[in-house]
Amino acid sequence: MSMQQMRHTGGVEICDRHAHLPSTEKIKYFLTFEIEGKIAGFIFG
């Protein structure tokens, strides 16, 4: 499994874990993971 796939799965899990939060909060968490994933992909890629 690639780093990006792991990050993506992590982002989805975070969204599930924070399902009680408002949509905007979930989007913020998800975007944070997406951005981190892209940075990690850039550094390790």
C-alpha atoms as a PDB file:
ATOM      1  CA  MET A   1       0.000   0.000   0.000  1.00  0.00           C
ATOM      2  CA  SER A   2       1.412   3.368  -0.996  1.00  0.00           C
ATOM      3  CA  MET A   3       1.811   6.293   1.387  1.00  0.00           C
ATOM      4  CA  GLN A   4      -0.909   8.171  -0.506  1.00  0.00           C
ATOM      5  CA  GLN A   5      -3.396   5.289  -0.163  1.00  0.00           C
ATOM      6  CA  MET A   6      -2.638   5.051   3.554  1.00  0.00           C
ATOM      7  CA  ARG A   7      -3.176   8.787   3.938  1.00  0.00           C
ATOM      8  CA  HIS A   8      -6.419   8.623   1.968  1.00  0.00           C
ATOM      9  CA  THR A   9      -7.719   5.742   4.093  1.00  0.00           C
ATOM     10  CA  GLY A  10      -6.716   7.667   7.212  1.00  0.00           C
ATOM     11  CA  GLY A  11      -8.672  10.678   6.008  1.00  0.00           C
ATOM     12  CA  VAL A  12     -11.786   8.572   5.469  1.00  0.00           C
ATOM     13  CA  GLU A  13     -11.404   7.013   8.932  1.00  0.00           C
ATOM     14  CA  ILE A  14     -11.068  10.470  10.482  1.00  0.00           C
ATOM     15  CA  CYS A  15     -14.292  11.537   8.749  1.00  0.00           C
ATOM     16  CA  ASP A  16     -16.077   8.459  10.137  1.00  0.00           C
ATOM     17  CA  ARG A  17     -14.698   9.038  13.618  1.00  0.00           C
ATOM     18  CA  HIS A  18     -15.840  12.664  13.535  1.00  0.00           C
ATOM     19  CA  ALA A  19     -19.239  11.895  11.995  1.00  0.00           C
ATOM     20  CA  HIS A  20     -20.923  13.783  14.860  1.00  0.00           C
ATOM     21  CA  LEU A  21     -19.219  17.025  13.809  1.00  0.00           C
ATOM     22  CA  PRO A  22     -20.814  19.499  11.395  1.00  0.00           C
ATOM     23  CA  SER A  23     -20.008  18.971   7.704  1.00  0.00           C
ATOM     24  CA  THR A  24     -17.640  21.938   7.611  1.00  0.00           C
ATOM     25  CA  GLU A  25     -15.555  20.403  10.412  1.00  0.00           C
ATOM     26  CA  LYS A  26     -15.419  17.054   8.594  1.00  0.00           C
ATOM     27  CA  ILE A  27     -14.303  18.820   5.421  1.00  0.00           C
ATOM     28  CA  LYS A  28     -11.565  20.624   7.377  1.00  0.00           C
ATOM     29  CA  TYR A  29     -10.270  17.329   8.807  1.00  0.00           C
ATOM     30  CA  PHE A  30     -10.420  15.688   5.392  1.00  0.00           C
ATOM     31  CA  LEU A  31      -8.629  18.553   3.629  1.00  0.00           C
ATOM     32  CA  THR A  32      -5.910  18.537   6.284  1.00  0.00           C
ATOM     33  CA  PHE A  33      -5.254  14.865   5.523  1.00  0.00           C
ATOM     34  CA  GLU A  34      -5.369  15.467   1.767  1.00  0.00           C
ATOM     35  CA  ILE A  35      -2.818  18.291   2.057  1.00  0.00           C
ATOM     36  CA  GLU A  36      -0.573  16.251   4.382  1.00  0.00           C
ATOM     37  CA  GLY A  37      -0.787  13.341   1.954  1.00  0.00           C
ATOM     38  CA  LYS A  38       0.269  15.544  -0.959  1.00  0.00           C
ATOM     39  CA  ILE A  39       3.172  16.986   1.053  1.00  0.00           C
ATOM     40  CA  ALA A  40       4.269  13.506   2.150  1.00  0.00           C
ATOM     41  CA  GLY A  41       3.969  12.299  -1.449  1.00  0.00           C
ATOM     42  CA  PHE A  42       6.114  15.218  -2.609  1.00  0.00           C
ATOM     43  CA  ILE A  43       8.783  14.625   0.062  1.00  0.00           C
ATOM     44  CA  PHE A  44       8.906  10.818  -0.244  1.00  0.00           C
ATOM     45  CA  GLY A  45       7.946  10.587  -3.928  1.00  0.00           C
END
